[in-house]
Structure formats: structure tokens, C-alpha cells
Protein backbone atom coordinates (compact mmCIF):
# COMPACT_ATOMS: atom_id res chain seq x y z
CA MET A 1 69.84 5.21 6.26
CA TYR A 2 69.22 8.79 7.29
CA VAL A 3 67.83 9.57 10.72
CA SER A 4 65.60 12.44 11.77
CA PRO A 5 64.79 13.61 15.30
CA CYS A 6 61.50 11.67 14.94
CA GLN A 7 62.77 8.68 13.02
CA GLY A 8 60.76 5.48 13.08
CA ASP A 9 62.07 2.34 14.73
CA THR A 10 63.35 0.25 11.83
CA SER A 11 65.38 -2.95 11.77
CA ASN A 12 68.47 -1.23 10.38
CA GLN A 13 68.34 1.84 12.58
CA LYS A 14 71.82 2.69 13.81
CA VAL A 15 72.07 2.45 17.57
CA LEU A 16 75.22 4.26 18.57
CA ASN A 17 75.68 2.80 22.02
CA SER A 18 75.11 -0.93 22.45
CA GLY A 19 75.36 -0.52 26.23
CA TRP A 20 71.79 0.77 26.23
CA ARG A 21 70.54 -2.54 24.90
CA ALA A 22 72.42 -4.33 27.65
CA LEU A 23 70.36 -2.31 30.12
CA GLY A 24 67.09 -3.64 28.75
CA ASP A 25 66.11 -1.75 25.59
CA ILE A 26 63.42 -3.78 23.83
CA GLY A 27 63.27 -1.84 20.56
CA ASN A 28 60.03 -2.35 18.64
CA ALA A 29 57.86 -4.03 21.28
CA ALA A 30 54.18 -3.06 21.28
CA VAL A 31 54.57 -1.18 24.56
CA CYS A 32 57.97 0.38 25.15
CA LYS A 33 59.17 -0.50 28.66
CA THR A 34 62.55 1.24 28.83
CA MET A 35 64.06 4.52 27.69
CA ARG A 36 66.18 4.70 24.55
CA VAL A 37 68.97 7.21 23.97
CA GLU A 38 70.83 7.84 20.71
CA ILE A 39 73.16 10.57 19.50
CA PHE A 40 73.26 11.89 15.93
CA PRO A 41 75.80 14.20 14.24
CA PRO A 42 74.88 16.93 11.71
CA GLU A 43 74.06 15.75 8.18
CA SER A 44 74.56 17.23 4.72
CA VAL A 45 71.59 15.50 3.08
CA THR A 46 69.04 18.00 1.75
CA GLU A 47 66.55 15.62 0.09
CA PRO A 48 63.37 15.56 2.21
CA ARG A 49 62.63 12.25 3.93
CA HIS A 50 59.46 11.02 5.61
CA TRP A 51 59.62 9.32 8.99
CA VAL A 52 57.14 7.99 11.51
CA ARG A 53 58.08 7.17 15.09
CA HIS A 54 55.79 5.06 17.26
CA ASP A 55 57.37 5.57 20.67
CA GLN A 56 57.27 8.94 22.45
CA ALA A 57 60.46 10.64 21.33
CA PHE A 58 61.99 14.00 21.95
CA ALA A 59 65.38 15.52 21.15
CA MET A 60 67.84 17.95 22.72
CA MET A 61 70.23 19.90 20.54
CA LEU A 62 73.89 19.58 21.47
CA GLY A 63 75.06 22.63 19.53
CA ARG A 64 73.96 25.49 17.31
CA GLY A 65 72.39 24.61 14.00
CA SER A 66 69.10 24.10 12.23
CA ILE A 67 66.62 21.45 11.09
CA GLU A 68 64.14 21.67 8.23
CA TRP A 69 60.90 19.84 8.88
CA GLY A 70 57.14 19.97 8.45
CA THR A 71 53.96 18.01 7.77
CA LYS A 72 54.29 18.38 3.97
CA ARG A 73 57.28 17.76 1.74
CA ALA A 74 56.79 21.00 -0.21
CA THR A 75 56.42 23.26 2.83
CA LEU A 76 59.35 22.52 5.13
CA GLU A 77 60.14 25.16 7.72
CA LYS A 78 63.64 25.88 9.00
CA PHE A 79 64.07 25.93 12.78
CA ASP A 80 67.22 27.45 14.26
CA TYR A 81 68.45 25.88 17.48
CA ALA A 82 70.95 26.57 20.24
CA ALA A 83 72.50 23.99 22.53
CA GLY A 84 69.89 22.83 25.04
CA ASP A 85 66.86 23.56 22.88
CA LEU A 86 64.27 20.76 22.79
CA ALA A 87 61.87 19.28 20.24
CA LEU A 88 59.00 16.93 21.10
CA CYS A 89 57.98 14.66 18.24
CA ASP A 90 54.49 13.79 17.04
CA ARG A 91 53.80 10.17 17.88
CA HIS A 92 52.45 7.97 15.05
CA VAL A 93 52.30 11.06 12.80
CA GLY A 94 54.62 11.33 9.80
CA GLU A 95 57.19 14.12 9.66
CA TRP A 96 58.98 15.39 6.56
CA VAL A 97 62.60 16.24 7.36
CA GLY A 98 65.12 18.02 5.17
CA LEU A 99 68.58 19.28 6.12
CA MET A 100 69.59 18.44 9.70
CA ALA A 101 72.52 20.72 10.43
CA THR A 102 72.76 20.32 14.19
CA PRO A 103 74.02 17.52 16.46
CA HIS A 104 71.30 16.23 18.75
CA LEU A 105 70.49 13.61 21.33
CA GLN A 106 67.31 11.65 20.69
CA LEU A 107 65.41 10.00 23.54
CA GLY A 108 62.47 7.61 23.53
CA ILE A 109 60.53 7.71 26.80
CA SER A 110 58.85 4.45 27.73
CA ASP A 111 55.09 4.07 28.01
CA ALA A 112 55.64 2.58 31.46
CA ALA A 113 57.29 5.79 32.73
CA LEU A 114 54.65 8.03 31.15
CA MET A 115 51.75 5.99 32.55
CA ALA A 116 53.34 5.86 36.00
CA SER A 117 53.63 9.66 35.93
CA SER A 118 49.92 9.96 35.11
CA ASP A 119 48.78 8.13 38.27
CA GLY A 120 46.23 5.71 36.95
CA ALA A 121 46.24 6.47 33.23
CA TYR A 122 46.36 3.46 30.97
CA GLY A 123 47.41 2.98 27.35
CA GLU A 124 49.34 5.77 25.70
CA VAL A 125 49.74 9.20 27.30
CA GLU A 126 49.29 11.79 24.58
CA LEU A 127 51.77 14.69 24.62
CA LYS A 128 51.53 17.93 22.68
CA ALA A 129 54.26 18.01 20.03
CA SER A 130 56.51 21.04 19.65
CA ARG A 131 59.34 21.52 17.15
CA LYS A 132 61.15 23.95 19.42
CA PHE A 133 60.78 24.74 23.10
CA ALA A 134 62.88 25.41 26.19
CA ASP A 135 62.66 23.65 29.54
CA PRO A 136 65.74 24.06 31.78
CA ARG A 137 64.74 21.18 34.08
CA LEU A 138 64.19 18.78 31.18
CA SER A 139 67.42 19.90 29.50
CA ALA A 140 69.35 19.24 32.72
CA LEU A 141 67.90 15.71 32.87
CA VAL A 142 68.85 15.04 29.24
CA THR A 143 72.36 16.35 29.92
CA ALA A 144 72.65 13.85 32.80
CA ALA A 145 71.55 10.99 30.51
CA HIS A 146 74.03 12.14 27.85
CA ALA A 147 76.91 12.25 30.34
CA GLU A 148 76.00 8.77 31.57
CA MET A 149 75.91 7.49 27.98
CA VAL A 150 79.30 9.00 27.11
CA ALA A 151 80.80 7.46 30.26
CA GLY A 152 79.53 3.99 29.31
CA PHE A 153 76.62 3.82 31.80
CA PRO A 154 78.72 3.30 34.96
CA SER A 155 75.91 4.22 37.38
CA GLY A 156 73.64 1.35 36.35
CA ARG A 157 69.95 0.87 35.76
CA LEU A 158 68.63 2.64 38.86
CA PHE A 159 70.24 5.94 37.85
CA LEU A 160 68.77 5.73 34.34
CA ASP A 161 65.36 4.71 35.68
CA SER A 162 65.39 7.72 38.00
CA VAL A 163 66.36 10.10 35.19
CA GLU A 164 63.69 8.68 32.88
CA GLN A 165 60.99 8.91 35.53
CA ALA A 166 61.89 12.52 36.26
CA MET A 167 61.72 13.26 32.52
CA ALA A 168 58.32 11.58 32.27
CA VAL A 169 56.94 13.59 35.20
CA ALA A 170 58.11 16.84 33.58
CA LEU A 171 56.64 15.91 30.18
CA VAL A 172 53.29 14.77 31.58
CA LYS A 173 52.99 17.83 33.84
CA ASP A 174 53.69 20.39 31.12
CA ARG A 175 52.94 18.64 27.81
CA ALA A 176 50.16 16.10 28.34
CA VAL A 177 47.04 16.55 26.21
CA ARG A 178 44.93 14.00 28.09
CA HIS A 179 45.90 12.50 31.42
CA ARG A 180 44.76 12.26 35.00
CA LEU A 181 46.18 14.95 37.21
CA VAL A 182 49.17 13.83 39.24
CA GLN A 183 48.19 13.56 42.87
CA ILE A 184 50.71 14.85 45.37
CA SER A 185 50.98 12.45 48.29
CA ARG A 186 50.78 14.01 51.73
CA GLY A 187 52.37 11.13 53.59
CA GLY A 188 55.39 8.97 53.04
CA LEU A 189 56.18 5.28 53.19
CA GLY A 190 55.31 3.50 56.39
CA PRO A 191 57.90 1.73 58.56
CA ALA A 192 57.07 -1.71 57.13
CA ARG A 193 57.58 -0.58 53.56
CA LEU A 194 60.79 1.24 54.39
CA ARG A 195 62.06 -1.91 56.10
CA ARG A 196 61.29 -3.97 52.99
CA ILE A 197 63.20 -1.49 50.85
CA ARG A 198 66.23 -1.61 53.15
CA GLU A 199 66.16 -5.41 53.14
CA LEU A 200 65.90 -5.49 49.34
CA VAL A 201 68.81 -3.08 48.89
CA ASP A 202 70.95 -5.01 51.37
CA ALA A 203 70.18 -8.35 49.70
CA LYS A 204 70.81 -7.07 46.17
CA MET A 205 73.69 -4.69 46.82
CA GLU A 206 75.86 -6.36 44.18
CA ASP A 207 73.11 -6.33 41.53
CA ASP A 208 71.98 -3.65 39.09
CA LEU A 209 68.85 -2.78 41.06
CA SER A 210 66.09 -0.98 39.15
CA LEU A 211 63.58 1.63 40.29
CA ASP A 212 60.74 -0.61 39.08
CA GLU A 213 62.00 -3.51 41.22
CA MET A 214 62.10 -1.30 44.31
CA ALA A 215 58.59 0.00 43.62
CA GLN A 216 57.19 -3.47 43.03
CA SER A 217 58.57 -4.68 46.36
CA VAL A 218 56.17 -2.30 48.13
CA ALA A 219 53.34 -2.58 45.57
CA LEU A 220 53.54 0.99 44.21
CA SER A 221 53.97 2.55 40.77
CA THR A 222 57.47 3.84 40.05
CA ALA A 223 56.47 7.52 40.06
CA HIS A 224 54.39 7.22 43.26
CA PHE A 225 57.13 5.22 44.97
CA ALA A 226 59.82 7.77 44.05
CA ARG A 227 57.76 10.64 45.49
CA MET A 228 56.80 8.75 48.66
CA PHE A 229 60.35 7.52 49.23
CA ARG A 230 61.84 10.99 49.00
CA LYS A 231 59.16 12.37 51.32
CA SER A 232 59.99 9.68 53.87
CA THR A 233 63.79 9.75 53.71
CA GLY A 234 64.78 13.08 52.20
CA GLU A 235 66.69 11.16 49.54
CA THR A 236 65.94 9.81 46.08
CA PRO A 237 66.08 6.01 45.74
CA HIS A 238 69.36 6.34 43.83
CA GLN A 239 70.91 8.50 46.57
CA PHE A 240 69.78 6.02 49.22
CA VAL A 241 71.22 2.99 47.39
CA LEU A 242 74.47 4.84 46.71
CA ARG A 243 74.81 5.76 50.39
CA GLN A 244 74.20 2.15 51.43
CA ARG A 245 76.89 1.02 48.99
CA ILE A 246 79.37 3.54 50.36
CA GLU A 247 78.62 2.49 53.94
CA ARG A 248 79.24 -1.15 53.07
CA ALA A 249 82.42 -0.18 51.23
CA LYS A 250 83.71 1.70 54.26
CA ALA A 251 83.11 -1.31 56.50
CA MET A 252 84.90 -3.64 54.06
CA LEU A 253 87.84 -1.25 53.61
CA ARG A 254 88.56 -1.40 57.34
CA ALA A 255 89.91 -4.92 56.83
CA PRO A 256 93.71 -4.65 56.33
CA ASN A 257 93.83 -7.11 53.42
CA ALA A 258 90.76 -5.89 51.51
CA ARG A 259 91.36 -5.29 47.80
CA VAL A 260 89.73 -2.17 46.41
CA LEU A 261 88.54 -4.05 43.32
CA ASP A 262 86.86 -6.73 45.44
CA VAL A 263 85.16 -4.06 47.54
CA ALA A 264 83.93 -2.26 44.42
CA VAL A 265 82.36 -5.42 42.99
CA ALA A 266 80.81 -6.46 46.32
CA CYS A 267 79.20 -3.04 46.66
CA GLY A 268 77.63 -3.01 43.21
CA PHE A 269 80.01 -0.76 41.29
CA LYS A 270 80.73 -1.74 37.71
CA THR A 271 84.36 -0.63 37.68
CA GLN A 272 87.03 0.15 40.24
CA GLN A 273 87.45 3.59 38.64
CA HIS A 274 83.78 4.47 39.09
CA PHE A 275 83.85 3.24 42.68
CA ALA A 276 86.93 5.34 43.45
CA GLN A 277 85.35 8.43 41.88
CA VAL A 278 82.08 8.10 43.80
CA PHE A 279 83.88 7.27 47.05
CA ARG A 280 86.10 10.34 46.74
CA ASP A 281 83.11 12.56 45.89
CA VAL A 282 81.24 11.39 48.98
CA CYS A 283 84.03 10.82 51.54
CA ARG A 284 86.54 13.38 50.23
CA VAL A 285 89.33 10.79 50.20
CA SER A 286 90.10 7.83 47.95
CA PRO A 287 89.26 4.29 49.12
CA THR A 288 92.96 3.57 49.66
CA GLU A 289 93.44 6.77 51.67
CA TYR A 290 90.36 6.02 53.73
CA ARG A 291 91.65 2.56 54.66
CA GLN A 292 95.09 3.88 55.50
CA ASP A 293 93.64 6.67 57.65
CA PHE A 294 91.52 4.12 59.50
CA LEU A 295 94.46 1.77 60.09
CA ASP A 296 96.62 4.68 61.28
CA SER A 297 93.87 5.72 63.69
CA GLU A 298 93.74 2.17 65.05
CA VAL A 299 97.46 2.34 65.78
CA THR A 300 97.28 5.78 67.42
CA GLY A 301 93.97 5.15 69.15
CA THR A 302 92.22 8.13 67.50
CA SER A 303 88.72 8.11 66.06
CA GLU A 304 87.73 7.71 62.42
CA THR A 305 89.02 10.38 60.04
CA PRO A 306 87.09 13.65 60.43
CA SER A 307 87.38 14.38 56.67
CA GLU A 308 84.77 11.73 55.98
CA ASP A 309 81.39 12.99 54.78
CA THR A 310 78.68 10.62 53.62
CA SER A 311 76.29 13.37 52.57
CA LEU A 312 74.87 12.82 49.09
CA SER A 313 73.35 16.27 48.69
CA GLN A 314 75.38 16.82 45.51
CA VAL A 315 74.09 13.63 43.90
CA THR A 316 71.01 14.53 41.87
CA PHE A 317 69.47 11.10 41.28
């Protein structure tokens, strides 16, 4: 089966990364609840094909090339693309597609994320289709999702939820045809709600915590919660959870017999390699070096290593 940037969801559609399904992809459900990401190489097929896609899809080109497409088989138009160019597909409207001579990443944004970004809208949020446009912020978000996909989704559901919600906010803000204006909250989360979030994160540190679960715990939509949380703490939910995991890891590593693998699992990291990478990025030393520095300081009576830095300002989501 051939696949266009706006291909319909069919039973034999090729999903290139099964890890996405493990994170909750529900395919052809009436209301899409999670984001879908697929990558497609260039094709040599020139015969026009007709596709209809019923979720809200858009694509980012991964290299130079072109795609032929249009509303009628006999009048296809060739669009030339560079890496990072975007295309937003018509939802429920058929597209004729000819030669696809560019690699691209195709994303399906969930209705839940789009509705949450519309602050009170219900049903489908209608977006204005465009076969070629540029949006540096949106391209950066897609690049982050692509990198996560290539790496095997080591950062878990919360990272993907945060990326999807940021994509939805950008699409609704700039591309919505009909929606309620997004209201910018002047205040943040109150002390009671922040306490509930901290308790939830502490209790579920080992789990793959989702943005929706955090928002539900304080009775807010995902988009509203993400904005309020950042206003209150100066961090995104993902940054906050990651910092809590690193703090727990540091405490566990101070035990002389702690195994790095056990610490990684207890702190919610999927692999020891991912844990070591994040720990080094944040603390500037590896977990093993951190523990050794701490034990050496205990022997000499000096304070904790000054090279440590738990700032997450370089972590985007």
C-alpha cells in the first residue's frame, strides 16, 4: 500500500515504530486520544492515488524533494520542499497524490490535545489546511518528536504529551478556523494543587506518568494545567518530574552499595543508558562519578561536589 502525507487510517497501514502503540496509540477510534507519528521514505510511484484521513494530520519534510497533490486527479500541482517545511492536511477531505519524492514525518494530533488548546471547545477543532508553510516553532517540536522516535521513546509518555500539547497550541493559535480564543491565565496553581502534584509525582516516580494524569489530579485541562504549572514553578511539568527523578537518584546513589541500574529503574528511567545520559547532562558527572565523589567527600569531610548542577534550563519539555 502506498502512503501519502494525508493517508487515511486503514487496517493495513504500515506503522514504522511499534513503540508508539505501546504508549497508547488507539488507531481508528472515533475520537483520537493520543498523537501518532510515522516516518515515510521517498517513493517512485507516479500513478495518482486518492486518500482520506480522518484525524488531524500534518507532515514535516526531512529533506529536499517534492510532492504532487491536489483536489482533482487531472490537475495535480508539484510542491517543492526543503527540510523543515510543513504541510497541514485537509481533514475528512480527499486528496489526490502523485509522486512523493521527499522523506517526511507524518503526525496525527489528537482531538483531546486540540480541544484542550481551545479552552472550552468541544468536538473537532477545524484547522486551515496548507500544502506548504513554514513555522520554526512547530518544526522544532516535530524535530524533538522525531529524535524521540529514533531513540526508541526513552523519555516516556510525559515528554510526548508535552510535545503534542505544545504542537496543538501552536496549530490552534495560528491555524484554527473556528475555536474559542485561548485565555491567558494571570495566576498560577495554588499551594494545595501544587502539593497534590508533588505528592502524585513522588508516589508514581517509577511509572510512566502522563500530562493528562497530572492535569486530572488537579481538575484542569492539559493545556490549562501546563500553562498554570509553568507560571507557578518556572518549569514545564516534564522538567519538574525530571528534576524530582534526579534528586531521588542522587539520594539513592549516596548509598555505597547502590547499583546504578536499580537506581535508574526506581527513578522512572526506562534504561540505564538513558538515566546516565540525563544525569550527566544535569549534574555534569556520571552517576558512578557522582557516587564516588560523594563517598570521597565523606572520607575527607568536604561538602558535596561543587560540579553538581540540577538546573534543567536546557531541557525543553
